[in-house]
Amino acid sequence: MISVSNLSKTFKVNKGEAFTAVESVSFSFNTKDRFILLGLNGAGKSTTFKMLTAEEKPTSGTIKVNGIDIREIHDNPELMKNLIGYCP
């Protein structure tokens, strides 16, 4: 099971201004399911998948894969790749 709860990502841009790419996203699905995000350019799809695959750290919220909080294994992207199959 993959569970995402209140996931957000904010980037610092020009002179410290903040840009929110993903705001309070929540969803869950079984690991054998296929999951697709659809949306307009700039909607945060790529950033969400980067957080799911531990390429980016979330600003807030939680991501759990089979009960494992990815913050615990964020420094081990190879382990994340074993947990989630991702085709951009």
N, C-alpha and C. Protein backbone atom coordinates (compact mmCIF):
# COMPACT_ATOMS: atom_id res chain seq x y z
N MET A 1 0.84 -1.18 0.00
CA MET A 1 0.00 0.00 0.00
C MET A 1 0.88 1.23 0.00
N ILE A 2 0.54 2.19 -0.83
CA ILE A 2 1.20 3.49 -0.84
C ILE A 2 0.18 4.52 -0.35
N SER A 3 0.59 5.25 0.68
CA SER A 3 -0.30 6.22 1.30
C SER A 3 0.39 7.57 1.36
N VAL A 4 -0.25 8.57 0.79
CA VAL A 4 0.26 9.94 0.79
C VAL A 4 -0.74 10.80 1.55
N SER A 5 -0.23 11.57 2.51
CA SER A 5 -1.13 12.37 3.34
C SER A 5 -0.62 13.81 3.46
N ASN A 6 -1.43 14.75 3.01
CA ASN A 6 -1.13 16.18 3.12
C ASN A 6 0.26 16.55 2.59
N LEU A 7 0.62 15.99 1.46
CA LEU A 7 1.93 16.20 0.87
C LEU A 7 2.04 17.60 0.27
N SER A 8 3.11 18.32 0.62
CA SER A 8 3.36 19.66 0.09
C SER A 8 4.84 19.82 -0.22
N LYS A 9 5.13 20.65 -1.21
CA LYS A 9 6.51 20.98 -1.56
C LYS A 9 6.57 22.45 -1.94
N THR A 10 7.41 23.19 -1.23
CA THR A 10 7.62 24.60 -1.49
C THR A 10 9.09 24.81 -1.81
N PHE A 11 9.36 25.55 -2.87
CA PHE A 11 10.72 25.88 -3.28
C PHE A 11 10.99 27.34 -3.00
N LYS A 12 12.23 27.67 -2.66
CA LYS A 12 12.66 29.06 -2.53
C LYS A 12 13.11 29.53 -3.91
N VAL A 13 12.60 30.66 -4.37
CA VAL A 13 12.99 31.22 -5.66
C VAL A 13 13.39 32.68 -5.46
N ASN A 14 13.54 33.41 -6.50
CA ASN A 14 13.97 34.82 -6.50
C ASN A 14 13.95 35.51 -5.14
N LYS A 15 15.14 35.82 -4.64
CA LYS A 15 15.31 36.58 -3.40
C LYS A 15 14.56 35.98 -2.23
N GLY A 16 14.49 34.66 -2.16
CA GLY A 16 13.88 33.99 -1.01
C GLY A 16 12.37 33.86 -1.07
N GLU A 17 11.75 34.32 -2.16
CA GLU A 17 10.30 34.14 -2.28
C GLU A 17 10.00 32.65 -2.38
N ALA A 18 8.84 32.27 -1.88
CA ALA A 18 8.44 30.86 -1.90
C ALA A 18 7.51 30.57 -3.06
N PHE A 19 7.70 29.40 -3.67
CA PHE A 19 6.81 28.92 -4.73
C PHE A 19 6.32 27.54 -4.31
N THR A 20 5.02 27.38 -4.16
CA THR A 20 4.44 26.10 -3.77
C THR A 20 4.10 25.31 -5.03
N ALA A 21 4.78 24.18 -5.20
CA ALA A 21 4.56 23.34 -6.38
C ALA A 21 3.48 22.30 -6.12
N VAL A 22 3.39 21.81 -4.89
CA VAL A 22 2.40 20.81 -4.50
C VAL A 22 1.84 21.24 -3.15
N GLU A 23 0.51 21.23 -3.02
CA GLU A 23 -0.11 21.71 -1.78
C GLU A 23 -1.17 20.74 -1.28
N SER A 24 -0.91 20.14 -0.13
CA SER A 24 -1.87 19.30 0.60
C SER A 24 -2.49 18.20 -0.25
N VAL A 25 -1.67 17.40 -0.92
CA VAL A 25 -2.15 16.30 -1.75
C VAL A 25 -2.24 15.03 -0.91
N SER A 26 -3.35 14.33 -1.01
CA SER A 26 -3.53 13.06 -0.30
C SER A 26 -4.15 12.03 -1.24
N PHE A 27 -3.63 10.80 -1.18
CA PHE A 27 -4.20 9.69 -1.94
C PHE A 27 -3.57 8.40 -1.43
N SER A 28 -4.16 7.28 -1.80
CA SER A 28 -3.57 5.99 -1.47
C SER A 28 -3.98 4.97 -2.53
N PHE A 29 -3.14 3.95 -2.70
CA PHE A 29 -3.44 2.89 -3.65
C PHE A 29 -2.58 1.68 -3.31
N ASN A 30 -3.00 0.52 -3.81
CA ASN A 30 -2.25 -0.70 -3.58
C ASN A 30 -1.01 -0.72 -4.45
N THR A 31 0.04 -1.36 -3.97
CA THR A 31 1.31 -1.35 -4.70
C THR A 31 1.23 -2.08 -6.04
N LYS A 32 0.27 -2.96 -6.23
CA LYS A 32 0.14 -3.66 -7.52
C LYS A 32 -0.72 -2.88 -8.51
N ASP A 33 -1.29 -1.77 -8.06
CA ASP A 33 -2.10 -0.93 -8.94
C ASP A 33 -1.20 -0.02 -9.77
N ARG A 34 -1.74 0.45 -10.88
CA ARG A 34 -1.08 1.49 -11.66
C ARG A 34 -1.70 2.81 -11.24
N PHE A 35 -0.88 3.81 -11.09
CA PHE A 35 -1.34 5.11 -10.62
C PHE A 35 -0.87 6.17 -11.61
N ILE A 36 -1.78 7.01 -12.03
CA ILE A 36 -1.47 8.04 -13.03
C ILE A 36 -1.94 9.39 -12.48
N LEU A 37 -1.09 10.39 -12.61
CA LEU A 37 -1.49 11.77 -12.28
C LEU A 37 -1.70 12.52 -13.58
N LEU A 38 -2.84 13.15 -13.71
CA LEU A 38 -3.14 13.97 -14.87
C LEU A 38 -3.32 15.41 -14.44
N GLY A 39 -2.88 16.33 -15.25
CA GLY A 39 -3.07 17.74 -14.93
C GLY A 39 -2.36 18.63 -15.93
N LEU A 40 -2.62 19.90 -15.82
CA LEU A 40 -2.01 20.89 -16.70
C LEU A 40 -0.53 21.03 -16.40
N ASN A 41 0.21 21.64 -17.35
CA ASN A 41 1.61 21.96 -17.10
C ASN A 41 1.73 22.82 -15.85
N GLY A 42 2.69 22.47 -15.00
CA GLY A 42 2.90 23.24 -13.78
C GLY A 42 2.00 22.86 -12.63
N ALA A 43 1.23 21.78 -12.77
CA ALA A 43 0.30 21.39 -11.71
C ALA A 43 0.96 20.64 -10.56
N GLY A 44 2.23 20.23 -10.72
CA GLY A 44 2.93 19.55 -9.64
C GLY A 44 3.07 18.05 -9.81
N LYS A 45 2.74 17.54 -10.99
CA LYS A 45 2.82 16.09 -11.23
C LYS A 45 4.24 15.55 -11.08
N SER A 46 5.18 16.16 -11.76
CA SER A 46 6.57 15.69 -11.70
C SER A 46 7.14 15.83 -10.30
N THR A 47 6.84 16.93 -9.63
CA THR A 47 7.32 17.12 -8.26
C THR A 47 6.74 16.07 -7.33
N THR A 48 5.47 15.74 -7.51
CA THR A 48 4.85 14.69 -6.68
C THR A 48 5.56 13.37 -6.90
N PHE A 49 5.80 12.99 -8.14
CA PHE A 49 6.50 11.72 -8.40
C PHE A 49 7.94 11.76 -7.90
N LYS A 50 8.60 12.91 -7.97
CA LYS A 50 9.95 13.02 -7.43
C LYS A 50 9.96 12.80 -5.91
N MET A 51 8.91 13.25 -5.25
CA MET A 51 8.82 13.00 -3.81
C MET A 51 8.51 11.54 -3.53
N LEU A 52 7.66 10.92 -4.36
CA LEU A 52 7.35 9.50 -4.20
C LEU A 52 8.57 8.61 -4.38
N THR A 53 9.50 9.02 -5.22
CA THR A 53 10.68 8.21 -5.50
C THR A 53 11.91 8.70 -4.74
N ALA A 54 11.72 9.58 -3.76
CA ALA A 54 12.77 10.09 -2.88
C ALA A 54 13.81 10.93 -3.60
N GLU A 55 13.49 11.48 -4.77
CA GLU A 55 14.40 12.41 -5.44
C GLU A 55 14.32 13.80 -4.83
N GLU A 56 13.16 14.14 -4.27
CA GLU A 56 12.93 15.42 -3.58
C GLU A 56 12.35 15.12 -2.20
N LYS A 57 12.75 15.91 -1.22
CA LYS A 57 12.17 15.79 0.11
C LYS A 57 10.92 16.66 0.19
N PRO A 58 9.83 16.11 0.73
CA PRO A 58 8.63 16.93 0.90
C PRO A 58 8.88 18.03 1.92
N THR A 59 8.22 19.17 1.73
CA THR A 59 8.27 20.24 2.74
C THR A 59 7.44 19.81 3.94
N SER A 60 6.30 19.17 3.67
CA SER A 60 5.47 18.65 4.76
C SER A 60 4.63 17.49 4.22
N GLY A 61 4.01 16.78 5.13
CA GLY A 61 3.20 15.63 4.78
C GLY A 61 3.98 14.33 4.91
N THR A 62 3.28 13.23 4.68
CA THR A 62 3.91 11.92 4.81
C THR A 62 3.66 11.06 3.58
N ILE A 63 4.63 10.22 3.29
CA ILE A 63 4.52 9.21 2.25
C ILE A 63 4.94 7.89 2.89
N LYS A 64 4.05 6.91 2.84
CA LYS A 64 4.37 5.59 3.38
C LYS A 64 4.22 4.56 2.28
N VAL A 65 5.23 3.70 2.15
CA VAL A 65 5.21 2.60 1.19
C VAL A 65 5.32 1.31 1.99
N ASN A 66 4.27 0.51 1.93
CA ASN A 66 4.20 -0.72 2.72
C ASN A 66 4.49 -0.45 4.19
N GLY A 67 3.95 0.66 4.70
CA GLY A 67 4.10 1.02 6.10
C GLY A 67 5.41 1.70 6.45
N ILE A 68 6.33 1.84 5.49
CA ILE A 68 7.62 2.48 5.74
C ILE A 68 7.52 3.96 5.36
N ASP A 69 7.82 4.83 6.30
CA ASP A 69 7.84 6.27 6.02
C ASP A 69 9.09 6.57 5.21
N ILE A 70 8.94 7.16 4.02
CA ILE A 70 10.11 7.35 3.15
C ILE A 70 11.12 8.31 3.75
N ARG A 71 10.73 9.12 4.73
CA ARG A 71 11.72 9.99 5.39
C ARG A 71 12.80 9.16 6.08
N GLU A 72 12.43 7.95 6.49
CA GLU A 72 13.39 7.06 7.16
C GLU A 72 14.42 6.51 6.19
N ILE A 73 14.08 6.43 4.91
CA ILE A 73 15.00 5.84 3.93
C ILE A 73 15.35 6.81 2.80
N HIS A 74 15.07 8.10 3.01
CA HIS A 74 15.28 9.09 1.95
C HIS A 74 16.72 9.11 1.45
N ASP A 75 17.67 8.84 2.31
CA ASP A 75 19.08 8.87 1.91
C ASP A 75 19.50 7.59 1.20
N ASN A 76 18.55 6.69 0.95
CA ASN A 76 18.84 5.45 0.24
C ASN A 76 17.90 5.31 -0.95
N PRO A 77 18.12 6.08 -2.04
CA PRO A 77 17.21 6.05 -3.18
C PRO A 77 17.13 4.68 -3.86
N GLU A 78 18.18 3.88 -3.75
CA GLU A 78 18.14 2.54 -4.35
C GLU A 78 17.07 1.69 -3.68
N LEU A 79 16.91 1.82 -2.38
CA LEU A 79 15.86 1.08 -1.68
C LEU A 79 14.49 1.54 -2.15
N MET A 80 14.31 2.85 -2.37
CA MET A 80 13.03 3.36 -2.87
C MET A 80 12.73 2.79 -4.25
N LYS A 81 13.75 2.68 -5.09
CA LYS A 81 13.54 2.14 -6.43
C LYS A 81 13.08 0.68 -6.37
N ASN A 82 13.48 -0.04 -5.33
CA ASN A 82 13.02 -1.41 -5.15
C ASN A 82 11.58 -1.48 -4.66
N LEU A 83 11.13 -0.41 -4.01
CA LEU A 83 9.77 -0.38 -3.46
C LEU A 83 8.74 0.13 -4.46
N ILE A 84 9.15 1.06 -5.35
CA ILE A 84 8.22 1.69 -6.29
C ILE A 84 8.77 1.59 -7.71
N GLY A 85 7.97 1.09 -8.64
CA GLY A 85 8.33 1.14 -10.06
C GLY A 85 7.80 2.45 -10.63
N TYR A 86 8.63 3.14 -11.37
CA TYR A 86 8.25 4.47 -11.87
C TYR A 86 8.69 4.62 -13.31
N CYS A 87 7.74 5.01 -14.17
CA CYS A 87 8.03 5.25 -15.58
C CYS A 87 7.55 6.66 -15.91
N PRO A 88 8.48 7.63 -16.04
CA PRO A 88 8.05 9.02 -16.30
C PRO A 88 7.50 9.19 -17.71
